[in-house]
């Protein structure tokens, strides 16, 4: 990712934060319904509108190139706010290697808190219905309400969803068939590394449109 950022010659970078649910390869422990039977590191957490047993891959993504900047794996019951500071710190570390700065932090209402907003000078994070604030809000139909400038920046958020879709479609992220936080983390990091290397290969060949197409290099 450093090579791609250096090649682009960027001075400022936006980062979109979100988490992808990774279902555990295990059933729930009948003696403790919140943990896995064959994977005791897995925890029950929210997966869409319901709950499931697994992990969450917390990720920051550069939206223009859909380039993963930093990531970490955690049990699914841990709140996204808990890992926001670490993600921002790791993102800044990567950007610092190419003398770039983090311009704006973009995320959904799951990370809405004053602590997260204060991590950067510019943040575009919708307030929840229970929070007071004059900033951006997003309704149940995913329509943005608030300052137009913030709404425009928030339109970059789907980039991280695109990355998660590639992980599911090409790297089996619906169910990762390894067990334990360490092994699941290694699998996730190797998958993200494949995406980065794919992007570097596409840029080197003058085909940036294939940066997120692993099948292009298999034919």
Foldseek 3Di string as FASTA:
>chain_A
DLVVCLVVLAAEFEKEKDKDWFAEPFAADPVDRQAGDVFRQWGWADDPPRIGTGKIKIFIAGLVLLATQDIAIHHRHDQNLVCLLVRQVSNQVSCVVNNHGYAEYEYEQSNDDPVNCVSHPHYQYAHDPPDDDQAWHADPVRDIDHDPVSVVVNVSNCSNVVVSVLCVVPVVRNYDPDHYRVVVRVSVVVSSVVLVVLCVVCVVVVRNVCSSPPVVVVD
